[in-house]
């Protein structure tokens, strides 16, 4: 794996699950990481207590355009540009479509899709200054499979892939790549709330007959974030155990 010493990375959802694993992997390769989290102060404190001095954490709502803009202004003042954006932040609010509350539909779209737009927009503006960058969205196979009770989540993730495809074409000439990593069932608290029966059914759907780990996802992200992935653009990398 390539050394990323001197590179600056923004990671959203950085204090738990896949986001934390990605942030830790980038730090281990020498990157300076600006981690974004939504509000879990306990998780943020726990991460800071064990991480290197190259990590700083910033609390913000990725769906709030103004907050995201101010965050990037602060980052630009500190280091002028960034090299890597890994957008992991996402939420679920499951319900059958006929019973889904409008606010639950909208909130999932706001965080998962609008948040992707806002985080990528300002990252691109900084990356274009140096004509180099790596943008990676953490999406989901649900965007193409669609599970009952997850219409809002599936729509947000399908939209994320479509946005990635368009953005990858817009910025390729500036040596900026844009890709998605699509993890299947990963052993994080994102599966919290599922019954033992559901967990068993989901595990049986996976040919590998197990859930993945955050570190397995982080390894794939780390490769796409490096200089050697320069000709991988507009792609979706499934990490699903064969789902």
C-alpha atoms as a PDB file:
ATOM      1  CA  UNK A   1       0.000   0.000   0.000  1.00  0.00           C
ATOM      2  CA  UNK A   2       1.270   3.437  -0.911  1.00  0.00           C
ATOM      3  CA  UNK A   3       2.415   5.926   1.670  1.00  0.00           C
ATOM      4  CA  UNK A   4       0.088   8.924   1.877  1.00  0.00           C
ATOM      5  CA  UNK A   5       2.348  11.136   3.963  1.00  0.00           C
ATOM      6  CA  UNK A   6       1.616  14.790   3.308  1.00  0.00           C
ATOM      7  CA  UNK A   7      -1.827  14.170   1.845  1.00  0.00           C
ATOM      8  CA  UNK A   8      -4.922  15.757   3.354  1.00  0.00           C
ATOM      9  CA  UNK A   9      -8.136  13.784   3.644  1.00  0.00           C
ATOM     10  CA  UNK A  10     -11.712  14.557   4.676  1.00  0.00           C
ATOM     11  CA  UNK A  11     -13.703  11.623   6.029  1.00  0.00           C
ATOM     12  CA  UNK A  12     -17.370  11.936   6.980  1.00  0.00           C
ATOM     13  CA  UNK A  13     -19.006   9.610   9.466  1.00  0.00           C
ATOM     14  CA  UNK A  14     -15.492   9.330  10.813  1.00  0.00           C
ATOM     15  CA  UNK A  15     -16.040   8.293  14.415  1.00  0.00           C
ATOM     16  CA  UNK A  16     -17.859   4.975  13.994  1.00  0.00           C
ATOM     17  CA  UNK A  17     -18.034   1.887  11.843  1.00  0.00           C
ATOM     18  CA  UNK A  18     -16.706   2.093   8.298  1.00  0.00           C
ATOM     19  CA  UNK A  19     -15.891   5.800   8.596  1.00  0.00           C
ATOM     20  CA  UNK A  20     -13.652   5.249  11.583  1.00  0.00           C
ATOM     21  CA  UNK A  21     -11.924   2.291   9.933  1.00  0.00           C
ATOM     22  CA  UNK A  22     -11.258   4.451   6.859  1.00  0.00           C
ATOM     23  CA  UNK A  23      -9.949   7.335   8.958  1.00  0.00           C
ATOM     24  CA  UNK A  24      -7.658   4.987  10.885  1.00  0.00           C
ATOM     25  CA  UNK A  25      -6.353   3.434   7.661  1.00  0.00           C
ATOM     26  CA  UNK A  26      -5.565   6.848   6.181  1.00  0.00           C
ATOM     27  CA  UNK A  27      -3.845   7.957   9.365  1.00  0.00           C
ATOM     28  CA  UNK A  28      -1.773   4.766   9.390  1.00  0.00           C
ATOM     29  CA  UNK A  29      -0.528   5.638   5.901  1.00  0.00           C
ATOM     30  CA  UNK A  30       0.547   9.110   7.009  1.00  0.00           C
ATOM     31  CA  UNK A  31      -2.376  11.248   5.859  1.00  0.00           C
ATOM     32  CA  UNK A  32      -3.690  14.276   7.714  1.00  0.00           C
ATOM     33  CA  UNK A  33      -7.364  13.545   8.411  1.00  0.00           C
ATOM     34  CA  UNK A  34     -10.197  15.999   8.953  1.00  0.00           C
ATOM     35  CA  UNK A  35     -12.906  13.784  10.392  1.00  0.00           C
ATOM     36  CA  UNK A  36     -16.559  14.813  10.313  1.00  0.00           C
ATOM     37  CA  UNK A  37     -19.194  13.451  12.684  1.00  0.00           C
ATOM     38  CA  UNK A  38     -22.854  14.200  13.202  1.00  0.00           C
ATOM     39  CA  UNK A  39     -23.227  14.393  16.945  1.00  0.00           C
ATOM     40  CA  UNK A  40     -22.126  11.317  18.896  1.00  0.00           C
ATOM     41  CA  UNK A  41     -19.762  13.035  21.317  1.00  0.00           C
ATOM     42  CA  UNK A  42     -18.896   9.818  23.146  1.00  0.00           C
ATOM     43  CA  UNK A  43     -17.683   8.143  19.959  1.00  0.00           C
ATOM     44  CA  UNK A  44     -15.755  11.266  18.974  1.00  0.00           C
ATOM     45  CA  UNK A  45     -14.001  11.462  22.335  1.00  0.00           C
ATOM     46  CA  UNK A  46     -13.131   7.757  22.219  1.00  0.00           C
ATOM     47  CA  UNK A  47     -11.577   8.117  18.769  1.00  0.00           C
ATOM     48  CA  UNK A  48      -9.571  11.209  19.675  1.00  0.00           C
ATOM     49  CA  UNK A  49      -8.237   9.461  22.758  1.00  0.00           C
ATOM     50  CA  UNK A  50      -6.576   6.762  20.657  1.00  0.00           C
ATOM     51  CA  UNK A  51      -5.792   8.524  17.367  1.00  0.00           C
ATOM     52  CA  UNK A  52      -2.641  10.310  16.285  1.00  0.00           C
ATOM     53  CA  UNK A  53      -2.148  14.066  16.300  1.00  0.00           C
ATOM     54  CA  UNK A  54      -2.866  14.071  12.558  1.00  0.00           C
ATOM     55  CA  UNK A  55      -6.598  13.719  13.265  1.00  0.00           C
ATOM     56  CA  UNK A  56      -8.963  16.585  13.965  1.00  0.00           C
ATOM     57  CA  UNK A  57     -12.707  16.109  14.351  1.00  0.00           C
ATOM     58  CA  UNK A  58     -15.426  18.516  13.256  1.00  0.00           C
ATOM     59  CA  UNK A  59     -19.079  18.270  14.232  1.00  0.00           C
ATOM     60  CA  UNK A  60     -21.512  19.196  11.470  1.00  0.00           C
ATOM     61  CA  UNK A  61     -24.672  18.158   9.669  1.00  0.00           C
ATOM     62  CA  UNK A  62     -23.574  17.153   6.168  1.00  0.00           C
ATOM     63  CA  UNK A  63     -27.045  17.962   4.808  1.00  0.00           C
ATOM     64  CA  UNK A  64     -26.699  21.610   5.902  1.00  0.00           C
ATOM     65  CA  UNK A  65     -25.113  23.422   2.961  1.00  0.00           C
ATOM     66  CA  UNK A  66     -24.009  26.392   5.052  1.00  0.00           C
ATOM     67  CA  UNK A  67     -22.306  24.234   7.666  1.00  0.00           C
ATOM     68  CA  UNK A  68     -20.468  22.270   4.988  1.00  0.00           C
ATOM     69  CA  UNK A  69     -19.319  25.453   3.252  1.00  0.00           C
ATOM     70  CA  UNK A  70     -17.957  26.868   6.519  1.00  0.00           C
ATOM     71  CA  UNK A  71     -16.190  23.594   7.279  1.00  0.00           C
ATOM     72  CA  UNK A  72     -14.353  23.676   3.959  1.00  0.00           C
ATOM     73  CA  UNK A  73     -13.451  27.325   4.462  1.00  0.00           C
ATOM     74  CA  UNK A  74     -11.784  26.358   7.740  1.00  0.00           C
ATOM     75  CA  UNK A  75      -9.960  23.468   6.066  1.00  0.00           C
ATOM     76  CA  UNK A  76      -8.755  25.729   3.257  1.00  0.00           C
ATOM     77  CA  UNK A  77      -7.389  28.261   5.733  1.00  0.00           C
ATOM     78  CA  UNK A  78      -5.404  25.523   7.420  1.00  0.00           C
ATOM     79  CA  UNK A  79      -3.997  23.642   4.432  1.00  0.00           C
ATOM     80  CA  UNK A  80      -5.112  25.382   1.196  1.00  0.00           C
ATOM     81  CA  UNK A  81      -6.309  22.204  -0.525  1.00  0.00           C
ATOM     82  CA  UNK A  82      -7.281  18.584   0.075  1.00  0.00           C
ATOM     83  CA  UNK A  83      -6.343  15.398  -1.753  1.00  0.00           C
ATOM     84  CA  UNK A  84      -8.978  12.900  -0.630  1.00  0.00           C
ATOM     85  CA  UNK A  85     -12.668  12.915   0.282  1.00  0.00           C
ATOM     86  CA  UNK A  86     -14.274   9.746   1.619  1.00  0.00           C
ATOM     87  CA  UNK A  87     -17.959  10.329   2.239  1.00  0.00           C
ATOM     88  CA  UNK A  88     -19.250   7.667   4.638  1.00  0.00           C
ATOM     89  CA  UNK A  89     -22.012   9.542   6.458  1.00  0.00           C
ATOM     90  CA  UNK A  90     -25.415   7.961   6.068  1.00  0.00           C
ATOM     91  CA  UNK A  91     -28.595   7.099   7.950  1.00  0.00           C
ATOM     92  CA  UNK A  92     -31.538   4.703   7.713  1.00  0.00           C
ATOM     93  CA  UNK A  93     -35.156   5.292   8.712  1.00  0.00           C
ATOM     94  CA  UNK A  94     -36.923   2.143   7.618  1.00  0.00           C
ATOM     95  CA  UNK A  95     -40.626   1.720   6.980  1.00  0.00           C
ATOM     96  CA  UNK A  96     -42.894   0.355   4.276  1.00  0.00           C
ATOM     97  CA  UNK A  97     -43.406   3.087   1.680  1.00  0.00           C
ATOM     98  CA  UNK A  98     -47.165   3.253   2.270  1.00  0.00           C
ATOM     99  CA  UNK A  99     -46.515   3.949   5.951  1.00  0.00           C
ATOM    100  CA  UNK A 100     -43.372   6.052   5.657  1.00  0.00           C
ATOM    101  CA  UNK A 101     -43.507   9.492   7.249  1.00  0.00           C
ATOM    102  CA  UNK A 102     -42.666  12.344   4.870  1.00  0.00           C
ATOM    103  CA  UNK A 103     -40.036  13.607   7.274  1.00  0.00           C
ATOM    104  CA  UNK A 104     -38.328  10.181   7.329  1.00  0.00           C
ATOM    105  CA  UNK A 105     -38.264  10.059   3.539  1.00  0.00           C
ATOM    106  CA  UNK A 106     -36.812  13.559   3.347  1.00  0.00           C
ATOM    107  CA  UNK A 107     -34.254  13.198   6.114  1.00  0.00           C
ATOM    108  CA  UNK A 108     -32.682  10.112   4.559  1.00  0.00           C
ATOM    109  CA  UNK A 109     -32.476  11.852   1.162  1.00  0.00           C
ATOM    110  CA  UNK A 110     -31.071  14.989   2.802  1.00  0.00           C
ATOM    111  CA  UNK A 111     -28.271  13.221   4.660  1.00  0.00           C
ATOM    112  CA  UNK A 112     -27.388  10.470   2.222  1.00  0.00           C
ATOM    113  CA  UNK A 113     -27.768  12.264  -1.116  1.00  0.00           C
ATOM    114  CA  UNK A 114     -27.780  16.005  -0.518  1.00  0.00           C
ATOM    115  CA  UNK A 115     -24.928  15.506   1.937  1.00  0.00           C
ATOM    116  CA  UNK A 116     -22.960  13.780  -0.827  1.00  0.00           C
ATOM    117  CA  UNK A 117     -23.580  16.736  -3.137  1.00  0.00           C
ATOM    118  CA  UNK A 118     -22.500  19.342  -0.607  1.00  0.00           C
ATOM    119  CA  UNK A 119     -19.390  17.503   0.582  1.00  0.00           C
ATOM    120  CA  UNK A 120     -18.282  16.762  -2.989  1.00  0.00           C
ATOM    121  CA  UNK A 121     -18.977  20.239  -4.364  1.00  0.00           C
ATOM    122  CA  UNK A 122     -16.563  22.041  -2.062  1.00  0.00           C
ATOM    123  CA  UNK A 123     -14.011  19.221  -2.187  1.00  0.00           C
ATOM    124  CA  UNK A 124     -13.897  19.519  -5.976  1.00  0.00           C
ATOM    125  CA  UNK A 125     -13.341  23.263  -5.763  1.00  0.00           C
ATOM    126  CA  UNK A 126     -10.260  22.718  -3.599  1.00  0.00           C
ATOM    127  CA  UNK A 127      -8.972  19.784  -5.658  1.00  0.00           C
ATOM    128  CA  UNK A 128      -9.260  21.719  -8.912  1.00  0.00           C
ATOM    129  CA  UNK A 129      -6.740  24.238  -7.583  1.00  0.00           C
ATOM    130  CA  UNK A 130      -4.037  21.572  -7.580  1.00  0.00           C
ATOM    131  CA  UNK A 131      -5.454  19.435 -10.434  1.00  0.00           C
ATOM    132  CA  UNK A 132      -5.515  16.288  -8.355  1.00  0.00           C
ATOM    133  CA  UNK A 133      -7.972  14.511  -6.101  1.00  0.00           C
ATOM    134  CA  UNK A 134      -9.702  11.327  -5.046  1.00  0.00           C
ATOM    135  CA  UNK A 135     -13.414  11.267  -4.136  1.00  0.00           C
ATOM    136  CA  UNK A 136     -14.983   8.082  -2.816  1.00  0.00           C
ATOM    137  CA  UNK A 137     -18.618   7.710  -1.834  1.00  0.00           C
ATOM    138  CA  UNK A 138     -19.677   4.849   0.415  1.00  0.00           C
ATOM    139  CA  UNK A 139     -22.873   3.652  -1.219  1.00  0.00           C
ATOM    140  CA  UNK A 140     -24.842   0.404  -0.888  1.00  0.00           C
ATOM    141  CA  UNK A 141     -26.075  -2.559  -2.958  1.00  0.00           C
ATOM    142  CA  UNK A 142     -29.545  -1.545  -1.770  1.00  0.00           C
ATOM    143  CA  UNK A 143     -29.439   1.103  -4.481  1.00  0.00           C
ATOM    144  CA  UNK A 144     -29.755  -1.660  -7.083  1.00  0.00           C
ATOM    145  CA  UNK A 145     -31.345  -4.465  -5.037  1.00  0.00           C
ATOM    146  CA  UNK A 146     -33.956  -2.556  -3.044  1.00  0.00           C
ATOM    147  CA  UNK A 147     -35.109  -4.140   0.213  1.00  0.00           C
ATOM    148  CA  UNK A 148     -38.651  -3.954   1.518  1.00  0.00           C
ATOM    149  CA  UNK A 149     -38.895  -1.147   4.056  1.00  0.00           C
ATOM    150  CA  UNK A 150     -35.914   0.745   2.653  1.00  0.00           C
ATOM    151  CA  UNK A 151     -37.337   2.715  -0.281  1.00  0.00           C
ATOM    152  CA  UNK A 152     -35.877   5.988   1.008  1.00  0.00           C
ATOM    153  CA  UNK A 153     -32.463   4.466   1.674  1.00  0.00           C
ATOM    154  CA  UNK A 154     -32.389   2.620  -1.674  1.00  0.00           C
ATOM    155  CA  UNK A 155     -33.389   5.794  -3.540  1.00  0.00           C
ATOM    156  CA  UNK A 156     -30.669   7.803  -1.837  1.00  0.00           C
ATOM    157  CA  UNK A 157     -27.998   5.243  -2.666  1.00  0.00           C
ATOM    158  CA  UNK A 158     -29.098   4.836  -6.282  1.00  0.00           C
ATOM    159  CA  UNK A 159     -28.973   8.612  -6.609  1.00  0.00           C
ATOM    160  CA  UNK A 160     -25.511   8.654  -5.098  1.00  0.00           C
ATOM    161  CA  UNK A 161     -24.216   6.330  -7.821  1.00  0.00           C
ATOM    162  CA  UNK A 162     -25.824   8.422 -10.542  1.00  0.00           C
ATOM    163  CA  UNK A 163     -24.279  11.580  -9.151  1.00  0.00           C
ATOM    164  CA  UNK A 164     -20.877   9.881  -8.969  1.00  0.00           C
ATOM    165  CA  UNK A 165     -21.111   8.866 -12.624  1.00  0.00           C
ATOM    166  CA  UNK A 166     -21.829  12.441 -13.719  1.00  0.00           C
ATOM    167  CA  UNK A 167     -19.222  14.035 -11.472  1.00  0.00           C
ATOM    168  CA  UNK A 168     -16.527  11.593 -12.587  1.00  0.00           C
ATOM    169  CA  UNK A 169     -16.967  12.822 -16.160  1.00  0.00           C
ATOM    170  CA  UNK A 170     -16.907  16.482 -15.146  1.00  0.00           C
ATOM    171  CA  UNK A 171     -13.582  16.391 -13.307  1.00  0.00           C
ATOM    172  CA  UNK A 172     -11.541  13.658 -15.018  1.00  0.00           C
ATOM    173  CA  UNK A 173      -9.484  16.142 -17.061  1.00  0.00           C
ATOM    174  CA  UNK A 174      -8.328  17.718 -13.810  1.00  0.00           C
ATOM    175  CA  UNK A 175      -6.869  14.375 -12.648  1.00  0.00           C
ATOM    176  CA  UNK A 176      -9.645  13.959 -10.090  1.00  0.00           C
ATOM    177  CA  UNK A 177     -11.242  10.529  -9.848  1.00  0.00           C
ATOM    178  CA  UNK A 178     -14.686   9.836  -8.400  1.00  0.00           C
ATOM    179  CA  UNK A 179     -15.773   6.330  -7.428  1.00  0.00           C
ATOM    180  CA  UNK A 180     -18.118   4.464  -5.126  1.00  0.00           C
ATOM    181  CA  UNK A 181     -17.392   1.652  -2.720  1.00  0.00           C
ATOM    182  CA  UNK A 182     -20.506  -0.417  -2.115  1.00  0.00           C
ATOM    183  CA  UNK A 183     -20.330  -2.515   1.054  1.00  0.00           C
ATOM    184  CA  UNK A 184     -22.926  -5.179   1.683  1.00  0.00           C
ATOM    185  CA  UNK A 185     -23.697  -6.389   5.175  1.00  0.00           C
ATOM    186  CA  UNK A 186     -20.890  -5.100   7.386  1.00  0.00           C
ATOM    187  CA  UNK A 187     -20.656  -5.778  11.101  1.00  0.00           C
ATOM    188  CA  UNK A 188     -21.290  -2.271  12.424  1.00  0.00           C
ATOM    189  CA  UNK A 189     -23.966  -0.607  14.532  1.00  0.00           C
ATOM    190  CA  UNK A 190     -25.654   0.253  11.212  1.00  0.00           C
ATOM    191  CA  UNK A 191     -27.260  -3.175  11.553  1.00  0.00           C
ATOM    192  CA  UNK A 192     -28.561  -2.262  14.994  1.00  0.00           C
ATOM    193  CA  UNK A 193     -32.291  -2.667  15.392  1.00  0.00           C
ATOM    194  CA  UNK A 194     -32.484  -5.755  13.218  1.00  0.00           C
ATOM    195  CA  UNK A 195     -33.879  -8.835  14.888  1.00  0.00           C
ATOM    196  CA  UNK A 196     -31.883 -12.033  15.284  1.00  0.00           C
ATOM    197  CA  UNK A 197     -34.142 -13.584  12.653  1.00  0.00           C
ATOM    198  CA  UNK A 198     -33.381 -10.782  10.183  1.00  0.00           C
ATOM    199  CA  UNK A 199     -29.653 -10.991  10.852  1.00  0.00           C
ATOM    200  CA  UNK A 200     -29.712 -14.728  10.249  1.00  0.00           C
ATOM    201  CA  UNK A 201     -31.686 -14.313   7.015  1.00  0.00           C
ATOM    202  CA  UNK A 202     -29.339 -11.637   5.746  1.00  0.00           C
ATOM    203  CA  UNK A 203     -26.246 -13.692   6.554  1.00  0.00           C
ATOM    204  CA  UNK A 204     -27.708 -16.646   4.653  1.00  0.00           C
ATOM    205  CA  UNK A 205     -28.146 -14.394   1.609  1.00  0.00           C
ATOM    206  CA  UNK A 206     -24.395 -13.822   1.442  1.00  0.00           C
ATOM    207  CA  UNK A 207     -22.486 -16.555  -0.418  1.00  0.00           C
ATOM    208  CA  UNK A 208     -19.550 -16.033   1.965  1.00  0.00           C
ATOM    209  CA  UNK A 209     -21.974 -16.793   4.837  1.00  0.00           C
ATOM    210  CA  UNK A 210     -20.648 -13.986   7.003  1.00  0.00           C
ATOM    211  CA  UNK A 211     -20.840 -10.242   7.415  1.00  0.00           C
ATOM    212  CA  UNK A 212     -17.858  -8.185   6.339  1.00  0.00           C
ATOM    213  CA  UNK A 213     -15.694  -6.056   8.605  1.00  0.00           C
ATOM    214  CA  UNK A 214     -15.075  -2.300   8.487  1.00  0.00           C
ATOM    215  CA  UNK A 215     -11.368  -2.953   7.958  1.00  0.00           C
ATOM    216  CA  UNK A 216     -12.099  -4.946   4.797  1.00  0.00           C
ATOM    217  CA  UNK A 217     -13.968  -1.974   3.388  1.00  0.00           C
ATOM    218  CA  UNK A 218     -11.230   0.436   4.468  1.00  0.00           C
ATOM    219  CA  UNK A 219      -8.579  -1.518   2.557  1.00  0.00           C
ATOM    220  CA  UNK A 220     -10.497  -1.051  -0.693  1.00  0.00           C
ATOM    221  CA  UNK A 221     -11.039   2.637   0.014  1.00  0.00           C
ATOM    222  CA  UNK A 222      -7.355   3.068   0.754  1.00  0.00           C
ATOM    223  CA  UNK A 223      -6.414   1.729  -2.672  1.00  0.00           C
ATOM    224  CA  UNK A 224      -8.883   3.984  -4.514  1.00  0.00           C
ATOM    225  CA  UNK A 225      -7.601   6.945  -2.493  1.00  0.00           C
ATOM    226  CA  UNK A 226      -4.016   6.412  -3.623  1.00  0.00           C
ATOM    227  CA  UNK A 227      -2.080   7.677  -6.654  1.00  0.00           C
ATOM    228  CA  UNK A 228      -1.966   4.226  -8.296  1.00  0.00           C
ATOM    229  CA  UNK A 229      -5.758   4.241  -8.774  1.00  0.00           C
ATOM    230  CA  UNK A 230      -5.456   7.058 -11.320  1.00  0.00           C
ATOM    231  CA  UNK A 231      -7.245   5.161 -14.125  1.00  0.00           C
ATOM    232  CA  UNK A 232     -10.159   3.956 -12.002  1.00  0.00           C
ATOM    233  CA  UNK A 233     -12.921   6.501 -12.454  1.00  0.00           C
ATOM    234  CA  UNK A 234     -16.719   6.356 -12.462  1.00  0.00           C
ATOM    235  CA  UNK A 235     -16.736   2.859 -10.987  1.00  0.00           C
ATOM    236  CA  UNK A 236     -18.618   1.058  -8.231  1.00  0.00           C
ATOM    237  CA  UNK A 237     -16.605  -1.478  -6.253  1.00  0.00           C
ATOM    238  CA  UNK A 238     -18.850  -4.016  -4.511  1.00  0.00           C
ATOM    239  CA  UNK A 239     -17.618  -5.442  -1.211  1.00  0.00           C
ATOM    240  CA  UNK A 240     -20.416  -7.842  -0.489  1.00  0.00           C
ATOM    241  CA  UNK A 241     -19.089 -11.367  -0.064  1.00  0.00           C
ATOM    242  CA  UNK A 242     -20.805 -12.180  -3.358  1.00  0.00           C
ATOM    243  CA  UNK A 243     -24.249 -10.717  -2.589  1.00  0.00           C
END
